[in-house]
N, C-alpha and C. Protein backbone atom coordinates (compact mmCIF):
# COMPACT_ATOMS: atom_id res chain seq x y z
N MET A 1 0.40 -0.86 -0.02
CA MET A 1 0.14 -0.04 -0.13
C MET A 1 1.00 1.11 0.01
N THR A 2 0.83 2.17 -1.03
CA THR A 2 1.50 3.20 -0.75
C THR A 2 0.51 4.38 -0.72
N ILE A 3 1.31 5.46 -0.20
CA ILE A 3 0.40 6.67 -0.05
C ILE A 3 0.77 7.33 -0.97
N PRO A 4 -0.67 8.51 -1.26
CA PRO A 4 -0.67 9.03 -2.29
C PRO A 4 -0.01 10.55 -1.99
N LEU A 5 0.36 11.28 -2.48
CA LEU A 5 1.04 12.40 -2.14
C LEU A 5 0.22 13.39 -1.91
N THR A 6 -1.16 13.21 -1.70
CA THR A 6 -2.14 14.40 -1.46
C THR A 6 -2.60 13.85 -0.48
N ASP A 7 -2.72 12.88 0.41
CA ASP A 7 -3.01 12.44 1.40
C ASP A 7 -2.88 13.30 2.68
N PRO A 8 -3.95 13.83 3.49
CA PRO A 8 -3.61 14.92 4.57
C PRO A 8 -2.59 14.71 5.47
N PHE A 9 -2.55 13.18 5.72
CA PHE A 9 -1.19 13.03 6.57
C PHE A 9 -0.17 12.56 5.84
N TYR A 10 0.51 12.49 4.83
CA TYR A 10 1.52 12.96 4.36
C TYR A 10 2.60 14.20 5.03
N ASP A 11 1.82 15.12 4.79
CA ASP A 11 2.46 16.56 5.41
C ASP A 11 3.25 16.04 6.55
N VAL A 12 2.28 15.70 7.92
CA VAL A 12 2.34 15.53 9.03
C VAL A 12 3.64 14.38 9.03
N ILE A 13 3.34 13.29 8.54
CA ILE A 13 4.25 11.96 8.76
C ILE A 13 6.02 12.47 7.81
N HIS A 14 5.66 13.10 6.78
CA HIS A 14 7.18 14.07 6.20
C HIS A 14 7.49 15.04 7.35
N GLY A 15 6.72 15.34 8.46
CA GLY A 15 7.24 16.26 9.22
C GLY A 15 8.23 15.97 10.35
N ILE A 16 7.18 14.86 10.72
CA ILE A 16 7.75 14.08 11.68
C ILE A 16 8.66 13.12 11.24
N ALA A 17 8.98 12.35 9.95
CA ALA A 17 10.28 11.67 9.74
C ALA A 17 11.46 12.54 9.31
N THR A 18 11.24 14.10 9.18
CA THR A 18 12.49 15.51 9.42
C THR A 18 12.31 15.57 10.52
N GLN A 19 11.91 15.55 11.56
CA GLN A 19 12.45 16.08 12.77
C GLN A 19 13.31 14.81 13.29
N ILE A 20 12.83 13.60 13.20
CA ILE A 20 13.48 12.55 13.73
C ILE A 20 14.56 12.00 13.02
N CYS A 21 14.64 12.44 11.86
CA CYS A 21 16.31 12.68 10.99
C CYS A 21 17.26 13.80 11.80
N SER A 22 16.80 14.57 11.88
CA SER A 22 17.09 15.91 12.86
C SER A 22 17.45 15.54 14.11
N LYS A 23 16.92 14.85 14.45
CA LYS A 23 17.28 14.50 16.38
C LYS A 23 18.45 13.19 16.02
N ALA A 24 18.43 12.36 15.07
CA ALA A 24 19.31 11.73 14.71
C ALA A 24 20.50 11.90 14.28
N ARG A 25 20.61 13.23 13.48
CA ARG A 25 21.92 14.10 13.39
C ARG A 25 22.61 14.85 14.60
N GLU A 26 21.71 15.57 15.33
CA GLU A 26 22.22 16.06 16.47
C GLU A 26 22.70 14.55 17.04
N LEU A 27 22.00 13.66 17.40
CA LEU A 27 22.45 12.49 18.64
C LEU A 27 23.53 11.81 17.98
N GLU A 28 23.88 11.85 16.91
CA GLU A 28 24.88 11.53 16.29
C GLU A 28 26.44 12.29 16.85
N ALA A 29 26.35 13.43 16.74
CA ALA A 29 26.97 14.79 16.81
C ALA A 29 27.18 14.70 18.56
N VAL A 30 26.58 14.55 19.20
CA VAL A 30 26.68 14.03 20.53
C VAL A 30 27.56 13.52 21.24
N ALA A 31 27.00 12.19 20.20
CA ALA A 31 28.32 10.73 19.92
C ALA A 31 29.27 11.00 20.37
N ARG A 32 29.32 11.63 18.59
CA ARG A 32 31.42 12.12 18.46
C ARG A 32 31.63 12.53 19.40
N LYS A 33 30.78 13.22 20.03
CA LYS A 33 31.03 14.63 21.24
C LYS A 33 31.72 13.95 22.31
N ILE A 34 31.11 13.00 23.01
CA ILE A 34 30.96 11.79 23.78
C ILE A 34 32.44 11.39 23.49
N GLN A 35 32.44 10.44 22.51
CA GLN A 35 33.47 9.66 21.97
C GLN A 35 34.94 10.45 21.84
N ASP A 36 35.16 11.79 21.40
CA ASP A 36 35.97 12.43 21.96
C ASP A 36 36.41 12.97 23.07
N ASP A 37 35.55 12.94 23.72
CA ASP A 37 35.88 13.34 25.26
C ASP A 37 36.31 12.36 25.98
N LEU A 38 35.88 10.98 25.78
CA LEU A 38 36.00 9.91 26.51
C LEU A 38 37.81 9.84 26.21
N ASN A 39 38.04 9.83 24.52
CA ASN A 39 39.49 9.54 23.71
C ASN A 39 40.30 10.76 24.44
N GLN A 40 39.72 11.50 25.07
CA GLN A 40 40.99 12.68 25.57
C GLN A 40 41.34 12.58 26.99
N GLY A 41 39.98 12.07 27.71
CA GLY A 41 39.99 11.01 29.10
C GLY A 41 40.55 10.12 29.28
N THR A 42 40.86 9.57 29.01
CA THR A 42 41.68 7.91 28.43
C THR A 42 43.53 8.76 28.12
N GLU A 43 43.59 9.93 27.62
CA GLU A 43 44.88 10.15 27.14
C GLU A 43 45.18 10.65 28.46
N SER A 44 44.37 11.24 28.85
CA SER A 44 45.00 12.23 30.26
C SER A 44 45.22 11.06 31.06
N TRP A 45 44.50 10.02 31.32
CA TRP A 45 44.26 9.15 32.38
C TRP A 45 45.97 8.41 32.07
N ASN A 46 45.76 8.14 31.30
CA ASN A 46 47.31 7.45 30.42
C ASN A 46 48.31 8.17 30.77
N LYS A 47 48.65 9.06 30.48
CA LYS A 47 49.84 10.14 31.10
C LYS A 47 50.05 10.16 32.74
N ALA A 48 48.91 10.89 32.96
CA ALA A 48 49.01 10.89 34.88
C ALA A 48 49.69 9.53 35.09
N LYS A 49 49.15 8.04 34.69
CA LYS A 49 49.85 6.82 35.00
C LYS A 49 50.94 6.75 35.07
N GLU A 50 51.65 7.55 33.53
CA GLU A 50 52.65 7.43 33.72
C GLU A 50 53.63 8.09 34.59
N ASP A 51 53.31 9.46 34.56
CA ASP A 51 53.56 10.52 35.28
C ASP A 51 53.94 9.87 36.65
N PHE A 52 52.50 9.20 37.29
CA PHE A 52 53.14 9.01 38.38
C PHE A 52 53.98 7.37 38.94
N ASN A 53 54.09 6.70 37.76
CA ASN A 53 55.04 5.47 37.87
C ASN A 53 56.60 5.79 37.67
N MET A 54 56.65 7.32 36.56
CA MET A 54 58.18 7.71 36.89
C MET A 54 58.40 8.79 37.89
N ALA A 55 57.19 8.72 38.58
CA ALA A 55 57.28 9.59 40.07
C ALA A 55 58.30 8.33 41.44
N ARG A 56 56.81 7.70 40.51
CA ARG A 56 57.49 6.44 41.88
C ARG A 56 58.79 5.96 41.59
N GLU A 57 58.93 5.31 40.92
CA GLU A 57 60.64 5.11 40.27
C GLU A 57 61.72 6.16 40.96
N LYS A 58 61.24 7.54 40.63
CA LYS A 58 62.36 8.31 41.23
C LYS A 58 62.45 8.64 42.20
N MET A 59 61.20 8.35 42.83
CA MET A 59 60.81 8.56 44.42
C MET A 59 61.73 6.98 45.35
N ASN A 60 61.86 6.28 44.46
CA ASN A 60 62.05 4.72 45.33
C ASN A 60 64.06 4.61 45.29
N LYS A 61 64.27 5.22 43.50
CA LYS A 61 65.74 5.35 43.71
C LYS A 61 66.16 6.35 44.39
N GLU A 62 65.50 7.57 44.89
CA GLU A 62 65.84 8.51 45.95
C GLU A 62 66.08 7.85 47.29
N ARG A 63 65.01 7.13 47.87
CA ARG A 63 65.29 6.47 48.78
C ARG A 63 66.19 5.01 49.22
N GLU A 64 66.61 4.60 48.29
CA GLU A 64 67.78 3.64 47.85
C GLU A 64 69.32 4.64 48.37
N ARG A 65 68.64 5.34 47.54
CA ARG A 65 70.38 6.17 47.83
C ARG A 65 70.56 7.09 49.11
N LEU A 66 69.51 6.98 49.61
CA LEU A 66 69.50 7.43 51.26
C LEU A 66 69.52 6.46 52.55
N GLU A 67 69.39 5.45 51.87
CA GLU A 67 68.82 4.33 52.81
C GLU A 67 71.11 3.90 52.64
N GLN A 68 71.36 3.85 51.39
CA GLN A 68 72.85 3.88 51.63
C GLN A 68 73.39 5.11 52.26
N ARG A 69 73.01 6.55 52.01
CA ARG A 69 74.01 7.68 52.70
C ARG A 69 73.87 7.20 53.94
N LEU A 70 72.72 6.86 54.84
CA LEU A 70 72.29 6.42 56.50
C LEU A 70 73.10 5.48 56.27
N THR A 71 73.10 4.51 55.80
CA THR A 71 74.41 3.15 56.12
C THR A 71 75.84 3.86 56.31
N LYS A 72 76.23 4.11 55.48
CA LYS A 72 77.74 4.81 55.33
C LYS A 72 77.52 5.40 56.51
N ARG A 73 77.13 6.75 57.01
CA ARG A 73 76.74 7.36 58.07
C ARG A 73 76.45 6.77 59.27
N ASP A 74 75.94 5.85 59.64
CA ASP A 74 76.18 4.87 60.85
C ASP A 74 77.59 4.05 60.77
N TRP A 75 78.00 3.33 59.44
CA TRP A 75 79.13 2.96 59.50
C TRP A 75 80.36 4.72 60.72
N PHE A 76 80.43 5.48 60.22
CA PHE A 76 81.30 6.54 60.36
C PHE A 76 81.01 6.63 61.81
N ALA A 77 79.50 6.66 62.25
CA ALA A 77 79.69 7.11 63.70
C ALA A 77 79.76 5.77 64.76
N TYR A 78 79.77 4.88 63.89
CA TYR A 78 80.73 3.28 64.66
C TYR A 78 82.08 3.39 64.98
N LEU A 79 82.59 3.73 63.49
CA LEU A 79 83.70 4.04 64.11
C LEU A 79 84.16 4.71 64.56
N LEU A 80 83.86 6.03 65.23
CA LEU A 80 83.87 6.90 65.65
C LEU A 80 83.40 6.63 67.28
N VAL A 81 82.72 5.78 67.49
CA VAL A 81 82.26 6.08 68.81
C VAL A 81 83.29 4.80 69.03
N ALA A 82 83.76 3.80 68.60
CA ALA A 82 84.77 2.95 68.68
C ALA A 82 86.24 3.44 68.93
N SER A 83 86.59 4.29 67.96
CA SER A 83 88.06 4.97 68.39
C SER A 83 87.86 5.86 69.49
N LEU A 84 86.15 6.79 69.92
CA LEU A 84 86.61 7.28 71.15
C LEU A 84 86.56 6.25 72.53
N LEU A 85 85.99 5.21 72.49
CA LEU A 85 86.24 4.35 73.47
C LEU A 85 87.93 3.60 73.28
N VAL A 86 88.27 3.48 72.64
CA VAL A 86 89.50 2.81 72.25
C VAL A 86 90.52 4.37 73.25
N SER A 87 90.36 5.29 72.29
CA SER A 87 91.48 6.62 73.46
C SER A 87 90.79 6.57 74.44
N PHE A 88 89.85 6.62 75.13
CA PHE A 88 89.28 6.86 76.42
C PHE A 88 89.91 5.46 77.43
N GLY A 89 90.07 4.10 76.79
CA GLY A 89 90.25 2.97 77.74
C GLY A 89 92.04 3.32 77.53
N LEU A 90 92.59 4.03 76.37
CA LEU A 90 94.65 4.08 76.42
C LEU A 90 94.19 4.97 77.75
N MET A 91 93.62 6.49 77.40
CA MET A 91 94.00 7.27 78.63
C MET A 91 93.64 6.69 79.75
N LEU A 92 92.53 5.67 80.01
CA LEU A 92 92.58 5.22 81.64
C LEU A 92 93.34 4.58 81.70
N GLY A 93 94.04 3.70 80.94
CA GLY A 93 95.25 2.69 81.31
C GLY A 93 96.42 3.36 81.83
N ILE A 94 96.65 5.02 80.76
CA ILE A 94 97.99 5.40 81.50
C ILE A 94 97.57 6.20 82.49
N MET A 95 96.59 7.17 83.53
CA MET A 95 96.08 7.28 84.25
C MET A 95 96.49 6.43 85.47
N LEU A 96 95.82 4.93 85.22
CA LEU A 96 95.80 4.42 86.25
C LEU A 96 97.57 3.78 86.45
N ARG A 97 98.50 3.58 85.36
CA ARG A 97 99.38 3.19 85.63
C ARG A 97 100.50 4.16 86.49
N ARG A 98 100.27 5.49 86.63
CA ARG A 98 101.03 6.49 87.85
C ARG A 98 100.41 6.38 88.47
């Protein structure tokens, strides 16, 4: 069954079809905008994740360096205390001999 072009509902149906097509184009534009925003958000997330991993690696390296430095400082302190104890022992020995 075909609709004759003189049908009184033809203009109404044609108007509704035109509105539906217009809304579909608007929805397509909105969907493209959402897709672009999602892609941009994904890129931003990946960059932030990469920056975070780089900062974490840098912090771990710095922590290791600090731990090594503290270990060296601790050895220096132990040697200093040991030399002070030896010096004190020698002086005490000298004083007791007299």
